[in-house]
Amino acid sequence: MNDVVNALLDKDAQTIIAYANNNMKLGKAADELMIDYRTLASRLDFIYKRTKLNPRRFRDLVKLVQILDEASDD
């Protein structure tokens, strides 16, 4: 789990939270982050490459959110 947290940047955490809060809808999450939806898609791809958890898959997104939540409690 520490490996995943270490691989995530601050903007990655914001990206994951926005994507989850907007029910995995690229357009809405991109609007919240004030970025283009293609930029958001690229960020999600980079998160997957670094963490080996695909935020586009529901179960992996839930794991990422849980990891971020636990890391913020520390």
N, C-alpha and C. Protein backbone atom coordinates (compact mmCIF):
# COMPACT_ATOMS: atom_id res chain seq x y z
N MET A 1 0.82 -1.19 0.00
CA MET A 1 0.00 0.00 0.00
C MET A 1 0.87 1.26 0.00
N ASN A 2 1.96 1.26 0.74
CA ASN A 2 2.85 2.43 0.75
C ASN A 2 3.40 2.73 -0.63
N ASP A 3 3.63 1.68 -1.41
CA ASP A 3 4.13 1.87 -2.78
C ASP A 3 3.12 2.66 -3.60
N VAL A 4 1.85 2.36 -3.41
CA VAL A 4 0.80 3.06 -4.15
C VAL A 4 0.75 4.52 -3.73
N VAL A 5 0.78 4.76 -2.43
CA VAL A 5 0.73 6.13 -1.92
C VAL A 5 1.93 6.93 -2.41
N ASN A 6 3.09 6.31 -2.39
CA ASN A 6 4.30 6.99 -2.85
C ASN A 6 4.24 7.31 -4.34
N ALA A 7 3.55 6.49 -5.11
CA ALA A 7 3.46 6.69 -6.55
C ALA A 7 2.48 7.80 -6.92
N LEU A 8 1.61 8.16 -6.00
CA LEU A 8 0.60 9.17 -6.28
C LEU A 8 1.09 10.57 -5.95
N LEU A 9 0.86 11.48 -6.85
CA LEU A 9 1.15 12.88 -6.63
C LEU A 9 -0.09 13.57 -6.09
N ASP A 10 0.06 14.80 -5.63
CA ASP A 10 -1.09 15.54 -5.11
C ASP A 10 -2.18 15.69 -6.16
N LYS A 11 -1.78 16.00 -7.40
CA LYS A 11 -2.79 16.16 -8.45
C LYS A 11 -3.45 14.83 -8.78
N ASP A 12 -2.73 13.72 -8.57
CA ASP A 12 -3.33 12.40 -8.77
C ASP A 12 -4.44 12.17 -7.75
N ALA A 13 -4.18 12.53 -6.51
CA ALA A 13 -5.19 12.37 -5.47
C ALA A 13 -6.43 13.21 -5.80
N GLN A 14 -6.22 14.44 -6.21
CA GLN A 14 -7.35 15.29 -6.59
C GLN A 14 -8.11 14.70 -7.77
N THR A 15 -7.38 14.13 -8.71
CA THR A 15 -7.99 13.51 -9.87
C THR A 15 -8.85 12.32 -9.47
N ILE A 16 -8.31 11.47 -8.62
CA ILE A 16 -9.04 10.28 -8.17
C ILE A 16 -10.31 10.66 -7.43
N ILE A 17 -10.20 11.62 -6.53
CA ILE A 17 -11.36 12.05 -5.74
C ILE A 17 -12.42 12.67 -6.63
N ALA A 18 -12.01 13.53 -7.54
CA ALA A 18 -12.98 14.17 -8.45
C ALA A 18 -13.66 13.13 -9.32
N TYR A 19 -12.91 12.17 -9.83
CA TYR A 19 -13.46 11.13 -10.68
C TYR A 19 -14.46 10.27 -9.90
N ALA A 20 -14.12 9.93 -8.67
CA ALA A 20 -15.03 9.14 -7.83
C ALA A 20 -16.27 9.95 -7.46
N ASN A 21 -16.09 11.20 -7.08
CA ASN A 21 -17.22 12.04 -6.68
C ASN A 21 -18.20 12.29 -7.82
N ASN A 22 -17.73 12.17 -9.04
CA ASN A 22 -18.58 12.41 -10.20
C ASN A 22 -18.98 11.11 -10.89
N ASN A 23 -19.06 10.04 -10.09
CA ASN A 23 -19.56 8.75 -10.56
C ASN A 23 -18.84 8.23 -11.80
N MET A 24 -17.53 8.44 -11.83
CA MET A 24 -16.67 7.94 -12.90
C MET A 24 -17.05 8.52 -14.27
N LYS A 25 -17.56 9.71 -14.28
CA LYS A 25 -17.91 10.40 -15.52
C LYS A 25 -16.80 11.39 -15.86
N LEU A 26 -16.12 11.12 -16.98
CA LEU A 26 -14.97 11.93 -17.37
C LEU A 26 -15.33 13.40 -17.51
N GLY A 27 -16.39 13.70 -18.22
CA GLY A 27 -16.76 15.08 -18.50
C GLY A 27 -17.02 15.88 -17.24
N LYS A 28 -17.80 15.30 -16.33
CA LYS A 28 -18.13 16.01 -15.09
C LYS A 28 -16.90 16.20 -14.20
N ALA A 29 -16.09 15.15 -14.10
CA ALA A 29 -14.88 15.26 -13.28
C ALA A 29 -13.91 16.27 -13.88
N ALA A 30 -13.80 16.26 -15.21
CA ALA A 30 -12.92 17.22 -15.88
C ALA A 30 -13.40 18.65 -15.63
N ASP A 31 -14.71 18.85 -15.69
CA ASP A 31 -15.26 20.18 -15.41
C ASP A 31 -14.92 20.62 -13.98
N GLU A 32 -15.06 19.71 -13.03
CA GLU A 32 -14.75 20.04 -11.63
C GLU A 32 -13.28 20.42 -11.48
N LEU A 33 -12.40 19.71 -12.18
CA LEU A 33 -10.97 19.98 -12.10
C LEU A 33 -10.54 21.13 -13.01
N MET A 34 -11.47 21.60 -13.85
CA MET A 34 -11.22 22.67 -14.81
C MET A 34 -10.11 22.29 -15.79
N ILE A 35 -10.21 21.06 -16.29
CA ILE A 35 -9.29 20.56 -17.30
C ILE A 35 -10.10 19.92 -18.42
N ASP A 36 -9.45 19.66 -19.54
CA ASP A 36 -10.10 18.98 -20.64
C ASP A 36 -10.28 17.50 -20.29
N TYR A 37 -11.34 16.89 -20.81
CA TYR A 37 -11.58 15.49 -20.49
C TYR A 37 -10.46 14.59 -21.00
N ARG A 38 -9.80 14.98 -22.08
CA ARG A 38 -8.67 14.19 -22.58
C ARG A 38 -7.48 14.25 -21.62
N THR A 39 -7.30 15.39 -20.98
CA THR A 39 -6.25 15.51 -19.96
C THR A 39 -6.57 14.60 -18.79
N LEU A 40 -7.82 14.57 -18.40
CA LEU A 40 -8.24 13.69 -17.31
C LEU A 40 -8.00 12.23 -17.68
N ALA A 41 -8.36 11.86 -18.89
CA ALA A 41 -8.15 10.48 -19.35
C ALA A 41 -6.66 10.13 -19.30
N SER A 42 -5.82 11.06 -19.69
CA SER A 42 -4.38 10.85 -19.66
C SER A 42 -3.88 10.68 -18.22
N ARG A 43 -4.39 11.50 -17.33
CA ARG A 43 -4.01 11.37 -15.91
C ARG A 43 -4.41 10.01 -15.36
N LEU A 44 -5.60 9.54 -15.71
CA LEU A 44 -6.04 8.23 -15.24
C LEU A 44 -5.14 7.13 -15.77
N ASP A 45 -4.70 7.26 -17.01
CA ASP A 45 -3.77 6.29 -17.59
C ASP A 45 -2.44 6.30 -16.84
N PHE A 46 -1.93 7.49 -16.51
CA PHE A 46 -0.67 7.59 -15.77
C PHE A 46 -0.79 7.01 -14.37
N ILE A 47 -1.93 7.24 -13.73
CA ILE A 47 -2.17 6.67 -12.39
C ILE A 47 -2.12 5.14 -12.48
N TYR A 48 -2.74 4.59 -13.50
CA TYR A 48 -2.74 3.14 -13.71
C TYR A 48 -1.32 2.62 -13.92
N LYS A 49 -0.54 3.31 -14.72
CA LYS A 49 0.83 2.88 -14.98
C LYS A 49 1.68 2.90 -13.72
N ARG A 50 1.49 3.90 -12.88
CA ARG A 50 2.31 4.03 -11.68
C ARG A 50 1.87 3.12 -10.55
N THR A 51 0.56 2.91 -10.40
CA THR A 51 0.06 2.18 -9.24
C THR A 51 -0.35 0.74 -9.55
N LYS A 52 -0.54 0.43 -10.83
CA LYS A 52 -1.06 -0.88 -11.27
C LYS A 52 -2.51 -1.08 -10.82
N LEU A 53 -3.17 0.00 -10.40
CA LEU A 53 -4.60 0.00 -10.10
C LEU A 53 -5.27 0.90 -11.13
N ASN A 54 -6.23 0.35 -11.85
CA ASN A 54 -6.88 1.09 -12.93
C ASN A 54 -8.09 1.86 -12.38
N PRO A 55 -8.00 3.18 -12.28
CA PRO A 55 -9.11 3.95 -11.72
C PRO A 55 -10.38 3.88 -12.58
N ARG A 56 -10.28 3.38 -13.79
CA ARG A 56 -11.47 3.22 -14.64
C ARG A 56 -12.27 1.97 -14.27
N ARG A 57 -11.67 1.11 -13.48
CA ARG A 57 -12.37 -0.07 -12.97
C ARG A 57 -12.88 0.26 -11.57
N PHE A 58 -14.14 -0.01 -11.32
CA PHE A 58 -14.78 0.38 -10.07
C PHE A 58 -14.01 -0.13 -8.85
N ARG A 59 -13.67 -1.41 -8.85
CA ARG A 59 -13.00 -1.98 -7.67
C ARG A 59 -11.64 -1.32 -7.43
N ASP A 60 -10.91 -1.06 -8.48
CA ASP A 60 -9.61 -0.40 -8.33
C ASP A 60 -9.79 1.04 -7.85
N LEU A 61 -10.81 1.71 -8.36
CA LEU A 61 -11.08 3.09 -7.92
C LEU A 61 -11.40 3.11 -6.43
N VAL A 62 -12.21 2.16 -5.99
CA VAL A 62 -12.54 2.09 -4.56
C VAL A 62 -11.28 1.87 -3.74
N LYS A 63 -10.39 0.98 -4.20
CA LYS A 63 -9.12 0.74 -3.49
C LYS A 63 -8.29 2.02 -3.41
N LEU A 64 -8.22 2.74 -4.53
CA LEU A 64 -7.45 3.98 -4.54
C LEU A 64 -8.02 5.00 -3.57
N VAL A 65 -9.33 5.13 -3.55
CA VAL A 65 -9.97 6.08 -2.62
C VAL A 65 -9.70 5.66 -1.18
N GLN A 66 -9.79 4.37 -0.89
CA GLN A 66 -9.51 3.89 0.47
C GLN A 66 -8.07 4.16 0.86
N ILE A 67 -7.15 3.92 -0.05
CA ILE A 67 -5.74 4.17 0.23
C ILE A 67 -5.50 5.64 0.52
N LEU A 68 -6.10 6.51 -0.28
CA LEU A 68 -5.96 7.95 -0.04
C LEU A 68 -6.57 8.36 1.28
N ASP A 69 -7.71 7.76 1.62
CA ASP A 69 -8.37 8.07 2.88
C ASP A 69 -7.51 7.65 4.07
N GLU A 70 -6.94 6.45 3.98
CA GLU A 70 -6.06 5.97 5.05
C GLU A 70 -4.80 6.81 5.16
N ALA A 71 -4.27 7.23 4.02
CA ALA A 71 -3.04 8.04 4.04
C ALA A 71 -3.32 9.41 4.65
N SER A 72 -4.51 9.94 4.45
CA SER A 72 -4.83 11.26 5.01
C SER A 72 -5.05 11.18 6.52
N ASP A 73 -5.40 9.99 7.02
CA ASP A 73 -5.59 9.82 8.47
C ASP A 73 -4.26 9.78 9.21
N ASP A 74 -3.18 9.41 8.52
CA ASP A 74 -1.86 9.29 9.16
C ASP A 74 -1.22 10.60 9.43
